[in-house]
Amino acid sequence: MIIRSWLFVPGDNERKLSKGLENAADALILDLEDSVADNRQDIARQMVCDYLTVNTDRSRQQLWVRINPLDNPLSLPDLAAVMPGRPDGIVLPKVYSAQEVNTLDKYLSALEAREGTEQGSTKILCVATETAASLLTFHTYLDNVSDRLIAMTWGGEDLAASLGASNNRHPLTGDYDDPFLLARSLCLSTSRAINIQPVGAVFVDYSALEALRKDCLRDRQSGFIGKIAIHPAQSDIINEAFTPSGEDIAHAQRIIDVFEQNPGLGTVGLDGKMLDMPHLKQARNVMALAEQIKARS
């Protein structure tokens, strides 16, 4: 299932949890990591479990939980506490390689057995680029990674700290600097190589909504599907940006039609432009995405 917008919600904030249900986001990420102080972990775990238990209808909006990193002793208590609520998935931060994803898979299998939940039903979104080592291990996802992994995103904030960078943006252009562009590209290419959803990184300036729109369109043009939101106002813009417009759909259908009208040809002309197989594949991707979003609505 395609998820366009993933909204972070602090796991220990009752007001924001309640407001999250009214938000347009396709998925909420109930956060037990960065937005929760260590001395409130137990409170947050209980609140998240209660929230999951009460809100069982996930037909419009999925409910995911971001746990602490697996090398943090808080992570296993996080999992043990929230799995009775049957989250749709777990967001795994600060990953070093596919090994952490596969380890989480084993933990989830044990906890699903404990709760009587269908095996494999809890999915995984990994934040694949928050450590320096992670930039060197994307090849590990190409061989025997857990089927639970359905989406991958990247992050530039924690990665900057791991690299010792004072900023992740180029001082002249304002665009991401080279190491962060590498992280973005590796996340996208790896996701596509293993046929999971590539998810765009957070846009931290939550008040700059027009800049967010441009960033979303750039992500979509590159091949990402969806984006993570850190503020409720970002969800609508993200949804709109990652939903093919009527014009997009009509153009894609015309491309498909002209190829079908000319069977056996690898290259055709349309509106004075030459089109070949990659254009047909892109058109079919647009139509498939539109159908999935329509079915979700």
Protein backbone atom coordinates (compact mmCIF):
# COMPACT_ATOMS: atom_id res chain seq x y z
CA MET A 1 0.00 0.00 0.00
CA ILE A 2 1.37 3.39 -1.02
CA ILE A 3 1.76 5.89 1.84
CA ARG A 4 2.22 9.47 0.69
CA SER A 5 2.58 11.28 4.02
CA TRP A 6 4.03 9.99 7.29
CA LEU A 7 3.49 12.40 10.22
CA PHE A 8 5.62 12.22 13.36
CA VAL A 9 3.60 12.54 16.59
CA PRO A 10 5.29 12.59 20.04
CA GLY A 11 4.25 9.46 21.87
CA ASP A 12 3.82 11.22 25.20
CA ASN A 13 1.71 14.18 24.04
CA GLU A 14 -1.99 13.45 24.50
CA ARG A 15 -3.16 16.56 22.64
CA LYS A 16 -1.01 15.90 19.58
CA LEU A 17 -1.96 12.22 19.55
CA SER A 18 -5.63 13.18 19.56
CA LYS A 19 -5.15 15.77 16.81
CA GLY A 20 -3.26 13.26 14.70
CA LEU A 21 -6.43 11.32 13.99
CA GLU A 22 -7.89 14.40 12.29
CA ASN A 23 -4.80 14.99 10.17
CA ALA A 24 -4.68 14.21 6.46
CA ALA A 25 -1.54 12.08 6.83
CA ASP A 26 -1.78 8.58 5.39
CA ALA A 27 0.22 7.29 8.37
CA LEU A 28 1.10 8.54 11.82
CA ILE A 29 4.50 7.69 13.31
CA LEU A 30 4.00 7.53 17.06
CA ASP A 31 7.43 8.51 18.29
CA LEU A 32 9.29 6.94 21.20
CA GLU A 33 12.73 8.18 20.16
CA ASP A 34 13.84 11.79 19.69
CA SER A 35 10.67 13.53 20.84
CA VAL A 36 10.43 11.68 24.19
CA ALA A 37 12.73 12.37 27.15
CA ASP A 38 14.33 9.31 28.77
CA ASN A 39 12.45 9.91 32.03
CA ARG A 40 9.12 9.76 30.18
CA GLN A 41 9.73 6.56 28.22
CA ASP A 42 7.43 4.41 30.34
CA ILE A 43 4.67 7.00 30.13
CA ALA A 44 5.05 7.30 26.36
CA ARG A 45 5.05 3.52 25.82
CA GLN A 46 1.82 3.11 27.74
CA MET A 47 0.17 6.04 25.95
CA VAL A 48 1.19 4.69 22.55
CA CYS A 49 -0.05 1.19 23.38
CA ASP A 50 -3.38 2.58 24.61
CA TYR A 51 -3.68 4.71 21.47
CA LEU A 52 -3.05 1.72 19.21
CA THR A 53 -5.47 -0.44 21.16
CA VAL A 54 -8.30 2.09 20.92
CA ASN A 55 -7.76 3.06 17.29
CA THR A 56 -8.16 -0.26 15.51
CA ASP A 57 -9.66 1.06 12.26
CA ARG A 58 -6.61 1.70 10.09
CA SER A 59 -8.43 1.83 6.74
CA ARG A 60 -7.75 5.56 6.24
CA GLN A 61 -4.67 6.10 8.35
CA GLN A 62 -2.05 3.59 9.39
CA LEU A 63 -0.38 3.76 12.80
CA TRP A 64 3.36 3.11 13.01
CA VAL A 65 5.76 3.41 15.95
CA ARG A 66 9.32 4.72 15.89
CA ILE A 67 11.31 2.86 18.50
CA ASN A 68 14.76 3.69 19.80
CA PRO A 69 17.74 2.32 17.82
CA LEU A 70 18.50 -1.36 18.33
CA ASP A 71 21.86 -0.55 19.95
CA ASN A 72 19.99 1.47 22.59
CA PRO A 73 18.76 -0.56 25.60
CA LEU A 74 15.42 1.27 25.36
CA SER A 75 14.51 -0.41 22.06
CA LEU A 76 13.42 -3.85 23.26
CA PRO A 77 11.23 -2.44 26.05
CA ASP A 78 9.72 -0.15 23.38
CA LEU A 79 8.79 -3.14 21.23
CA ALA A 80 7.53 -5.25 24.11
CA ALA A 81 5.31 -2.41 25.30
CA VAL A 82 3.67 -1.43 21.99
CA MET A 83 3.17 -4.76 20.22
CA PRO A 84 -0.04 -5.57 22.16
CA GLY A 85 -1.54 -2.62 20.25
CA ARG A 86 -0.69 -4.25 16.91
CA PRO A 87 0.96 -1.33 15.12
CA ASP A 88 0.94 -1.45 11.33
CA GLY A 89 4.69 -1.10 11.35
CA ILE A 90 7.86 -0.13 13.16
CA VAL A 91 10.13 2.74 12.12
CA LEU A 92 13.72 1.72 12.77
CA PRO A 93 16.16 4.64 13.19
CA LYS A 94 19.96 4.88 13.04
CA VAL A 95 20.46 1.73 11.00
CA TYR A 96 23.99 0.61 10.13
CA SER A 97 23.08 -2.07 7.57
CA ALA A 98 20.40 -4.60 6.65
CA GLN A 99 21.53 -6.65 9.66
CA GLU A 100 19.51 -4.42 12.01
CA VAL A 101 16.41 -4.84 9.84
CA ASN A 102 16.79 -8.63 9.97
CA THR A 103 17.35 -8.55 13.73
CA LEU A 104 14.19 -6.49 14.18
CA ASP A 105 12.37 -9.04 12.01
CA LYS A 106 13.28 -11.78 14.50
CA TYR A 107 12.13 -9.70 17.47
CA LEU A 108 8.83 -8.95 15.74
CA SER A 109 8.25 -12.62 14.94
CA ALA A 110 8.64 -13.52 18.62
CA LEU A 111 6.37 -10.70 19.78
CA GLU A 112 3.73 -11.48 17.16
CA ALA A 113 3.71 -15.06 18.44
CA ARG A 114 3.29 -13.76 21.98
CA GLU A 115 0.36 -11.55 20.98
CA GLY A 116 -1.31 -14.04 18.64
CA THR A 117 -0.79 -11.65 15.74
CA GLU A 118 -0.40 -12.92 12.18
CA GLN A 119 3.25 -13.62 11.47
CA GLY A 120 4.84 -10.98 9.24
CA SER A 121 1.97 -8.52 9.59
CA THR A 122 4.09 -5.84 11.30
CA LYS A 123 6.07 -4.06 8.59
CA ILE A 124 9.31 -2.05 8.78
CA LEU A 125 10.36 1.39 7.53
CA CYS A 126 14.08 1.95 8.09
CA VAL A 127 15.81 5.29 8.31
CA ALA A 128 18.81 4.10 6.36
CA THR A 129 21.32 6.96 6.46
CA GLU A 130 21.61 8.37 9.97
CA THR A 131 25.06 6.91 10.65
CA ALA A 132 28.35 7.34 8.82
CA ALA A 133 28.72 3.56 8.44
CA SER A 134 25.33 3.31 6.74
CA LEU A 135 26.63 5.09 3.63
CA LEU A 136 28.99 2.16 3.05
CA THR A 137 26.55 -0.73 3.56
CA PHE A 138 23.65 -0.24 1.15
CA HIS A 139 24.76 -3.33 -0.74
CA THR A 140 23.67 -5.45 2.23
CA TYR A 141 20.01 -4.76 1.39
CA LEU A 142 20.40 -6.44 -1.98
CA ASP A 143 20.84 -9.89 -0.48
CA ASN A 144 18.35 -11.55 1.85
CA VAL A 145 16.77 -8.60 3.64
CA SER A 146 13.54 -9.23 5.55
CA ASP A 147 10.26 -9.15 3.60
CA ARG A 148 8.90 -6.94 6.37
CA LEU A 149 10.94 -4.04 4.96
CA ILE A 150 8.45 -2.19 2.76
CA ALA A 151 9.90 1.32 2.79
CA MET A 152 13.17 3.16 3.26
CA THR A 153 13.90 6.79 3.96
CA TRP A 154 17.02 8.81 4.59
CA GLY A 155 17.92 11.50 7.07
CA GLY A 156 20.33 14.41 6.90
CA GLU A 157 20.19 15.72 10.47
CA ASP A 158 21.57 12.78 12.45
CA LEU A 159 23.90 11.97 9.55
CA ALA A 160 25.44 15.45 9.85
CA ALA A 161 26.18 14.80 13.50
CA SER A 162 27.66 11.39 12.70
CA LEU A 163 29.90 12.88 10.00
CA GLY A 164 30.98 15.79 12.21
CA ALA A 165 29.40 18.27 9.77
CA SER A 166 28.33 21.67 11.05
CA ASN A 167 25.63 21.89 8.37
CA ASN A 168 24.17 19.56 5.76
CA ARG A 169 23.57 22.34 3.22
CA HIS A 170 26.03 23.89 0.77
CA PRO A 171 26.86 27.47 1.88
CA LEU A 172 26.45 28.92 -1.64
CA THR A 173 23.59 26.97 -3.23
CA GLY A 174 21.57 26.06 -0.15
CA ASP A 175 21.15 22.56 -1.58
CA TYR A 176 22.26 19.45 0.28
CA ASP A 177 26.05 19.07 0.33
CA ASP A 178 27.69 16.11 -1.40
CA PRO A 179 27.59 13.47 1.39
CA PHE A 180 23.87 14.09 1.87
CA LEU A 181 23.12 13.97 -1.85
CA LEU A 182 24.94 10.63 -1.84
CA ALA A 183 22.73 9.41 1.01
CA ARG A 184 19.61 10.52 -0.86
CA SER A 185 20.71 8.81 -4.08
CA LEU A 186 21.68 5.56 -2.36
CA CYS A 187 18.38 5.42 -0.51
CA LEU A 188 16.42 5.93 -3.72
CA SER A 189 18.41 3.49 -5.85
CA THR A 190 18.46 0.77 -3.18
CA SER A 191 14.72 1.08 -2.58
CA ARG A 192 14.02 0.70 -6.27
CA ALA A 193 16.48 -2.17 -6.61
CA ILE A 194 14.66 -4.23 -3.96
CA ASN A 195 11.17 -3.00 -4.93
CA ILE A 196 10.21 -1.14 -1.76
CA GLN A 197 8.87 2.40 -1.35
CA PRO A 198 11.50 5.18 -1.33
CA VAL A 199 10.35 7.91 1.06
CA GLY A 200 11.61 11.49 0.97
CA ALA A 201 13.36 12.98 3.99
CA VAL A 202 11.86 15.46 6.41
CA PHE A 203 11.76 19.14 5.48
CA VAL A 204 12.73 20.81 8.73
CA ASP A 205 11.55 24.38 8.02
CA TYR A 206 7.92 23.58 8.77
CA SER A 207 6.75 27.18 8.27
CA ALA A 208 8.06 27.39 4.67
CA LEU A 209 5.19 25.58 3.01
CA GLU A 210 5.92 26.74 -0.53
CA ALA A 211 9.51 25.57 -0.19
CA LEU A 212 8.17 22.25 1.08
CA ARG A 213 6.00 21.96 -2.03
CA LYS A 214 9.04 22.46 -4.27
CA ASP A 215 11.03 19.92 -2.28
CA CYS A 216 8.21 17.38 -2.62
CA LEU A 217 7.99 17.91 -6.37
CA ARG A 218 11.74 17.46 -6.66
CA ASP A 219 11.52 14.23 -4.68
CA ARG A 220 8.69 12.96 -6.84
CA GLN A 221 10.54 13.86 -10.03
CA SER A 222 13.58 11.94 -8.77
CA GLY A 223 11.50 8.83 -8.07
CA PHE A 224 10.56 9.03 -4.39
CA ILE A 225 7.02 8.18 -3.35
CA GLY A 226 5.87 10.04 -0.27
CA LYS A 227 7.59 12.11 2.39
CA ILE A 228 7.89 12.32 6.15
CA ALA A 229 6.23 15.28 7.87
CA ILE A 230 7.31 16.85 11.14
CA HIS A 231 4.37 19.28 11.39
CA PRO A 232 0.64 18.70 10.85
CA ALA A 233 0.44 21.51 8.26
CA GLN A 234 2.81 19.62 5.96
CA SER A 235 0.55 16.60 5.33
CA ASP A 236 -1.86 18.17 2.84
CA ILE A 237 0.95 19.57 0.71
CA ILE A 238 2.77 16.24 0.70
CA ASN A 239 -0.39 14.35 -0.27
CA GLU A 240 -1.10 16.73 -3.12
CA ALA A 241 2.46 16.61 -4.43
CA PHE A 242 2.60 12.82 -4.51
CA THR A 243 -0.84 12.35 -6.04
CA PRO A 244 -0.79 12.31 -9.86
CA SER A 245 -2.90 15.17 -11.18
CA GLY A 246 -5.63 14.73 -13.76
CA GLU A 247 -3.22 16.17 -16.32
CA ASP A 248 -0.51 13.67 -15.28
CA ILE A 249 -2.92 10.77 -15.63
CA ALA A 250 -4.27 11.93 -18.99
CA HIS A 251 -0.75 12.33 -20.40
CA ALA A 252 0.31 8.93 -19.11
CA GLN A 253 -2.75 7.33 -20.67
CA ARG A 254 -1.98 8.95 -24.02
CA ILE A 255 1.53 7.49 -23.93
CA ILE A 256 0.18 4.04 -23.15
CA ASP A 257 -2.45 4.35 -25.88
CA VAL A 258 0.01 5.36 -28.59
CA PHE A 259 2.23 2.37 -27.82
CA GLU A 260 -0.76 0.02 -27.81
CA GLN A 261 -1.86 1.45 -31.15
CA ASN A 262 1.58 0.69 -32.57
CA PRO A 263 2.38 -2.84 -31.35
CA GLY A 264 5.89 -4.04 -31.99
CA LEU A 265 7.39 -0.56 -32.15
CA GLY A 266 9.99 0.39 -29.57
CA THR A 267 9.86 4.08 -30.46
CA VAL A 268 6.82 6.22 -31.27
CA GLY A 269 6.09 9.92 -31.76
CA LEU A 270 3.70 11.99 -29.66
CA ASP A 271 3.26 15.77 -29.77
CA GLY A 272 6.46 16.14 -31.76
CA LYS A 273 8.55 14.11 -29.27
CA MET A 274 10.09 10.69 -29.66
CA LEU A 275 9.11 8.24 -26.92
CA ASP A 276 10.68 4.86 -26.15
CA MET A 277 10.33 2.08 -23.58
CA PRO A 278 11.42 4.11 -20.52
CA HIS A 279 8.63 6.61 -21.26
CA LEU A 280 6.11 3.77 -21.43
CA LYS A 281 7.37 2.37 -18.13
CA GLN A 282 7.10 5.79 -16.49
CA ALA A 283 3.55 6.20 -17.82
CA ARG A 284 2.53 2.84 -16.41
CA ASN A 285 4.08 3.76 -13.06
CA VAL A 286 1.96 6.92 -12.96
CA MET A 287 -1.21 4.96 -13.70
CA ALA A 288 -0.37 2.30 -11.11
CA LEU A 289 0.29 4.96 -8.46
CA ALA A 290 -2.97 6.75 -9.29
CA GLU A 291 -4.91 3.48 -9.00
CA GLN A 292 -3.39 2.66 -5.63
CA ILE A 293 -4.17 6.10 -4.24
CA LYS A 294 -7.71 5.93 -5.62
CA ALA A 295 -8.25 2.54 -4.02
CA ARG A 296 -6.99 3.91 -0.69
CA SER A 297 -9.49 6.77 -0.79
